[in-house]
Amino acid sequence: MIGLLNLGSLVLGLIALILPVVNLMRYKKHSHRNWVSLSIMSISACAISLCFQIFYNYHLVKIEDWSALMDITGAVVYVAATLFIVTIILNAITLIVYRDRTAN
């Protein structure tokens, strides 16, 4: 059951990266009604994904699996930071692109 936290984190991380890309691909179309909600869903998926990783690390501490914790911590930190930074950058680009479009 706890292993599902990693799977959920992976899926939500991918969703967090895909939603702003979909938003940017839809820029040429005339319907710009839900770009804000897609950006909010993207940032929320990123936050929940990172939260799942924190829960998984807490589980490893609780069961005192120190070797697993030491093995995965470096990779988790790198991937979590990359996910966070790329999600923020993609959503900032979306905000910049759509800001001019919705002002008209």
N, C-alpha and C. Protein backbone atom coordinates (compact mmCIF):
# COMPACT_ATOMS: atom_id res chain seq x y z
N MET A 1 0.82 -1.19 0.00
CA MET A 1 0.00 0.00 0.00
C MET A 1 0.86 1.26 0.00
N ILE A 2 1.95 1.23 0.77
CA ILE A 2 2.84 2.38 0.85
C ILE A 2 3.55 2.60 -0.47
N GLY A 3 3.80 1.53 -1.21
CA GLY A 3 4.45 1.65 -2.52
C GLY A 3 3.62 2.47 -3.50
N LEU A 4 2.34 2.57 -3.27
CA LEU A 4 1.48 3.38 -4.14
C LEU A 4 1.78 4.87 -4.01
N LEU A 5 2.41 5.27 -2.90
CA LEU A 5 2.80 6.67 -2.76
C LEU A 5 3.80 7.06 -3.84
N ASN A 6 4.74 6.16 -4.13
CA ASN A 6 5.72 6.45 -5.19
C ASN A 6 5.05 6.50 -6.56
N LEU A 7 4.14 5.57 -6.82
CA LEU A 7 3.43 5.57 -8.10
C LEU A 7 2.56 6.82 -8.23
N GLY A 8 1.85 7.16 -7.17
CA GLY A 8 1.03 8.37 -7.19
C GLY A 8 1.86 9.62 -7.38
N SER A 9 3.02 9.65 -6.75
CA SER A 9 3.92 10.79 -6.89
C SER A 9 4.41 10.92 -8.33
N LEU A 10 4.74 9.81 -8.95
CA LEU A 10 5.18 9.83 -10.34
C LEU A 10 4.07 10.30 -11.27
N VAL A 11 2.87 9.77 -11.10
CA VAL A 11 1.75 10.15 -11.97
C VAL A 11 1.40 11.62 -11.79
N LEU A 12 1.32 12.07 -10.55
CA LEU A 12 0.98 13.48 -10.30
C LEU A 12 2.09 14.41 -10.79
N GLY A 13 3.34 13.97 -10.68
CA GLY A 13 4.44 14.77 -11.21
C GLY A 13 4.36 14.93 -12.72
N LEU A 14 4.02 13.84 -13.41
CA LEU A 14 3.84 13.92 -14.86
C LEU A 14 2.66 14.82 -15.22
N ILE A 15 1.58 14.73 -14.46
CA ILE A 15 0.43 15.59 -14.71
C ILE A 15 0.81 17.05 -14.50
N ALA A 16 1.61 17.31 -13.47
CA ALA A 16 2.04 18.69 -13.18
C ALA A 16 2.86 19.25 -14.34
N LEU A 17 3.59 18.41 -15.04
CA LEU A 17 4.40 18.89 -16.18
C LEU A 17 3.61 18.94 -17.48
N ILE A 18 2.64 18.06 -17.63
CA ILE A 18 1.89 17.98 -18.89
C ILE A 18 0.85 19.09 -19.00
N LEU A 19 0.19 19.44 -17.90
CA LEU A 19 -0.88 20.43 -17.97
C LEU A 19 -0.44 21.80 -18.50
N PRO A 20 0.70 22.36 -18.08
CA PRO A 20 1.11 23.64 -18.66
C PRO A 20 1.49 23.52 -20.13
N VAL A 21 2.02 22.37 -20.52
CA VAL A 21 2.36 22.15 -21.93
C VAL A 21 1.09 22.13 -22.77
N VAL A 22 0.05 21.47 -22.26
CA VAL A 22 -1.24 21.46 -22.95
C VAL A 22 -1.79 22.87 -23.03
N ASN A 23 -1.65 23.61 -21.96
CA ASN A 23 -2.09 25.01 -21.94
C ASN A 23 -1.39 25.83 -23.01
N LEU A 24 -0.09 25.65 -23.14
CA LEU A 24 0.67 26.40 -24.15
C LEU A 24 0.34 25.95 -25.57
N MET A 25 0.03 24.68 -25.75
CA MET A 25 -0.34 24.19 -27.09
C MET A 25 -1.71 24.70 -27.51
N ARG A 26 -2.58 24.99 -26.56
CA ARG A 26 -3.92 25.49 -26.88
C ARG A 26 -3.95 27.00 -27.06
N TYR A 27 -2.82 27.66 -27.00
CA TYR A 27 -2.75 29.11 -27.05
C TYR A 27 -3.33 29.68 -28.34
N LYS A 28 -3.11 29.01 -29.45
CA LYS A 28 -3.58 29.52 -30.75
C LYS A 28 -5.10 29.43 -30.91
N LYS A 29 -5.73 28.58 -30.14
CA LYS A 29 -7.19 28.45 -30.26
C LYS A 29 -7.87 29.63 -29.58
N HIS A 30 -9.12 29.82 -29.87
CA HIS A 30 -9.84 30.99 -29.38
C HIS A 30 -10.45 30.84 -28.00
N SER A 31 -10.49 29.63 -27.46
CA SER A 31 -11.09 29.48 -26.14
C SER A 31 -9.99 29.55 -25.07
N HIS A 32 -10.03 30.60 -24.27
CA HIS A 32 -9.03 30.81 -23.24
C HIS A 32 -9.69 30.86 -21.87
N ARG A 33 -10.77 30.14 -21.71
CA ARG A 33 -11.53 30.25 -20.47
C ARG A 33 -10.89 29.53 -19.30
N ASN A 34 -10.29 28.38 -19.53
CA ASN A 34 -9.87 27.58 -18.37
C ASN A 34 -8.35 27.46 -18.23
N TRP A 35 -7.59 28.40 -18.73
CA TRP A 35 -6.14 28.30 -18.59
C TRP A 35 -5.72 28.49 -17.14
N VAL A 36 -6.46 29.30 -16.38
CA VAL A 36 -6.12 29.51 -14.97
C VAL A 36 -6.37 28.22 -14.18
N SER A 37 -7.47 27.57 -14.44
CA SER A 37 -7.77 26.35 -13.70
C SER A 37 -6.76 25.24 -14.03
N LEU A 38 -6.29 25.17 -15.26
CA LEU A 38 -5.27 24.17 -15.61
C LEU A 38 -3.95 24.48 -14.92
N SER A 39 -3.62 25.75 -14.80
CA SER A 39 -2.39 26.13 -14.08
C SER A 39 -2.50 25.81 -12.60
N ILE A 40 -3.65 26.06 -12.01
CA ILE A 40 -3.85 25.74 -10.60
C ILE A 40 -3.80 24.23 -10.38
N MET A 41 -4.40 23.46 -11.29
CA MET A 41 -4.33 22.01 -11.18
C MET A 41 -2.89 21.51 -11.32
N SER A 42 -2.11 22.15 -12.18
CA SER A 42 -0.71 21.76 -12.35
C SER A 42 0.09 22.00 -11.08
N ILE A 43 -0.05 23.16 -10.49
CA ILE A 43 0.68 23.47 -9.26
C ILE A 43 0.20 22.59 -8.12
N SER A 44 -1.09 22.30 -8.08
CA SER A 44 -1.63 21.42 -7.04
C SER A 44 -1.10 20.00 -7.20
N ALA A 45 -1.03 19.51 -8.43
CA ALA A 45 -0.50 18.17 -8.67
C ALA A 45 0.97 18.09 -8.26
N CYS A 46 1.72 19.16 -8.51
CA CYS A 46 3.11 19.22 -8.08
C CYS A 46 3.21 19.16 -6.56
N ALA A 47 2.39 19.93 -5.87
CA ALA A 47 2.42 19.96 -4.41
C ALA A 47 2.04 18.61 -3.81
N ILE A 48 1.02 17.98 -4.36
CA ILE A 48 0.59 16.68 -3.84
C ILE A 48 1.65 15.62 -4.12
N SER A 49 2.28 15.70 -5.28
CA SER A 49 3.35 14.77 -5.61
C SER A 49 4.51 14.88 -4.62
N LEU A 50 4.90 16.11 -4.30
CA LEU A 50 5.97 16.31 -3.32
C LEU A 50 5.54 15.87 -1.92
N CYS A 51 4.28 16.06 -1.61
CA CYS A 51 3.74 15.64 -0.32
C CYS A 51 3.78 14.11 -0.20
N PHE A 52 3.47 13.40 -1.27
CA PHE A 52 3.55 11.94 -1.27
C PHE A 52 4.97 11.48 -0.98
N GLN A 53 5.97 12.17 -1.52
CA GLN A 53 7.35 11.80 -1.24
C GLN A 53 7.71 12.03 0.21
N ILE A 54 7.20 13.10 0.79
CA ILE A 54 7.44 13.35 2.21
C ILE A 54 6.79 12.25 3.06
N PHE A 55 5.58 11.84 2.70
CA PHE A 55 4.92 10.77 3.42
C PHE A 55 5.71 9.46 3.31
N TYR A 56 6.25 9.19 2.12
CA TYR A 56 7.03 7.96 1.94
C TYR A 56 8.31 8.00 2.77
N ASN A 57 8.97 9.15 2.81
CA ASN A 57 10.16 9.26 3.65
C ASN A 57 9.81 9.10 5.13
N TYR A 58 8.68 9.65 5.53
CA TYR A 58 8.23 9.48 6.91
C TYR A 58 7.98 8.01 7.21
N HIS A 59 7.41 7.28 6.27
CA HIS A 59 7.18 5.85 6.45
C HIS A 59 8.51 5.11 6.64
N LEU A 60 9.52 5.47 5.85
CA LEU A 60 10.82 4.82 5.99
C LEU A 60 11.45 5.12 7.34
N VAL A 61 11.27 6.34 7.84
CA VAL A 61 11.79 6.68 9.16
C VAL A 61 11.03 5.91 10.24
N LYS A 62 9.73 5.82 10.08
CA LYS A 62 8.89 5.15 11.08
C LYS A 62 9.24 3.66 11.20
N ILE A 63 9.54 3.01 10.07
CA ILE A 63 9.90 1.58 10.13
C ILE A 63 11.40 1.39 10.32
N GLU A 64 12.12 2.50 10.44
CA GLU A 64 13.56 2.52 10.68
C GLU A 64 14.35 1.79 9.60
N ASP A 65 13.98 2.01 8.36
CA ASP A 65 14.72 1.46 7.22
C ASP A 65 15.75 2.49 6.77
N TRP A 66 16.81 2.61 7.54
CA TRP A 66 17.79 3.67 7.33
C TRP A 66 18.57 3.48 6.03
N SER A 67 18.84 2.23 5.65
CA SER A 67 19.60 2.02 4.42
C SER A 67 18.80 2.45 3.20
N ALA A 68 17.50 2.16 3.18
CA ALA A 68 16.67 2.61 2.06
C ALA A 68 16.57 4.12 2.04
N LEU A 69 16.46 4.71 3.20
CA LEU A 69 16.37 6.17 3.29
C LEU A 69 17.65 6.82 2.78
N MET A 70 18.80 6.27 3.16
CA MET A 70 20.07 6.82 2.70
C MET A 70 20.27 6.60 1.20
N ASP A 71 19.75 5.50 0.67
CA ASP A 71 19.91 5.21 -0.75
C ASP A 71 19.09 6.15 -1.63
N ILE A 72 17.88 6.48 -1.21
CA ILE A 72 16.98 7.22 -2.11
C ILE A 72 16.96 8.72 -1.89
N THR A 73 17.47 9.20 -0.76
CA THR A 73 17.31 10.61 -0.42
C THR A 73 17.94 11.54 -1.46
N GLY A 74 19.14 11.24 -1.92
CA GLY A 74 19.80 12.10 -2.90
C GLY A 74 19.00 12.22 -4.20
N ALA A 75 18.51 11.08 -4.70
CA ALA A 75 17.74 11.10 -5.94
C ALA A 75 16.40 11.80 -5.75
N VAL A 76 15.75 11.59 -4.60
CA VAL A 76 14.47 12.22 -4.33
C VAL A 76 14.61 13.73 -4.27
N VAL A 77 15.66 14.20 -3.63
CA VAL A 77 15.89 15.65 -3.54
C VAL A 77 16.10 16.24 -4.92
N TYR A 78 16.92 15.59 -5.74
CA TYR A 78 17.19 16.09 -7.09
C TYR A 78 15.92 16.11 -7.95
N VAL A 79 15.17 15.03 -7.95
CA VAL A 79 13.96 14.93 -8.78
C VAL A 79 12.89 15.88 -8.26
N ALA A 80 12.74 16.01 -6.95
CA ALA A 80 11.73 16.91 -6.38
C ALA A 80 12.05 18.36 -6.73
N ALA A 81 13.31 18.74 -6.62
CA ALA A 81 13.69 20.11 -6.96
C ALA A 81 13.49 20.38 -8.44
N THR A 82 13.83 19.41 -9.28
CA THR A 82 13.63 19.57 -10.73
C THR A 82 12.15 19.70 -11.06
N LEU A 83 11.32 18.85 -10.47
CA LEU A 83 9.87 18.92 -10.71
C LEU A 83 9.33 20.28 -10.30
N PHE A 84 9.71 20.75 -9.14
CA PHE A 84 9.22 22.03 -8.63
C PHE A 84 9.65 23.18 -9.54
N ILE A 85 10.91 23.23 -9.90
CA ILE A 85 11.43 24.34 -10.71
C ILE A 85 10.81 24.33 -12.10
N VAL A 86 10.74 23.16 -12.74
CA VAL A 86 10.18 23.10 -14.10
C VAL A 86 8.69 23.43 -14.08
N THR A 87 7.96 22.97 -13.08
CA THR A 87 6.54 23.29 -12.99
C THR A 87 6.32 24.79 -12.82
N ILE A 88 7.11 25.42 -11.97
CA ILE A 88 6.98 26.87 -11.77
C ILE A 88 7.34 27.62 -13.05
N ILE A 89 8.40 27.21 -13.73
CA ILE A 89 8.79 27.89 -14.97
C ILE A 89 7.73 27.74 -16.05
N LEU A 90 7.20 26.52 -16.23
CA LEU A 90 6.17 26.31 -17.25
C LEU A 90 4.90 27.11 -16.95
N ASN A 91 4.51 27.15 -15.69
CA ASN A 91 3.32 27.92 -15.34
C ASN A 91 3.57 29.42 -15.43
N ALA A 92 4.78 29.87 -15.17
CA ALA A 92 5.10 31.29 -15.35
C ALA A 92 5.07 31.66 -16.83
N ILE A 93 5.57 30.80 -17.69
CA ILE A 93 5.50 31.05 -19.14
C ILE A 93 4.05 31.11 -19.58
N THR A 94 3.23 30.19 -19.07
CA THR A 94 1.80 30.21 -19.40
C THR A 94 1.16 31.51 -18.95
N LEU A 95 1.49 31.97 -17.76
CA LEU A 95 0.94 33.23 -17.25
C LEU A 95 1.36 34.39 -18.13
N ILE A 96 2.60 34.44 -18.54
CA ILE A 96 3.09 35.53 -19.40
C ILE A 96 2.40 35.50 -20.75
N VAL A 97 2.26 34.31 -21.33
CA VAL A 97 1.64 34.19 -22.65
C VAL A 97 0.17 34.58 -22.61
N TYR A 98 -0.57 34.07 -21.64
CA TYR A 98 -2.01 34.32 -21.59
C TYR A 98 -2.37 35.68 -21.00
N ARG A 99 -1.47 36.30 -20.28
CA ARG A 99 -1.75 37.62 -19.70
C ARG A 99 -2.07 38.63 -20.79
N ASP A 100 -1.28 38.63 -21.84
CA ASP A 100 -1.53 39.57 -22.94
C ASP A 100 -2.78 39.21 -23.72
N ARG A 101 -3.09 37.93 -23.83
CA ARG A 101 -4.25 37.47 -24.60
C ARG A 101 -5.54 37.82 -23.89
N THR A 102 -5.59 37.66 -22.58
CA THR A 102 -6.84 37.89 -21.86
C THR A 102 -7.07 39.37 -21.58
N ALA A 103 -6.04 40.20 -21.69
CA ALA A 103 -6.21 41.63 -21.46
C ALA A 103 -6.97 42.30 -22.59
N ASN A 104 -6.97 41.69 -23.77
CA ASN A 104 -7.66 42.29 -24.92
C ASN A 104 -9.16 42.15 -24.84
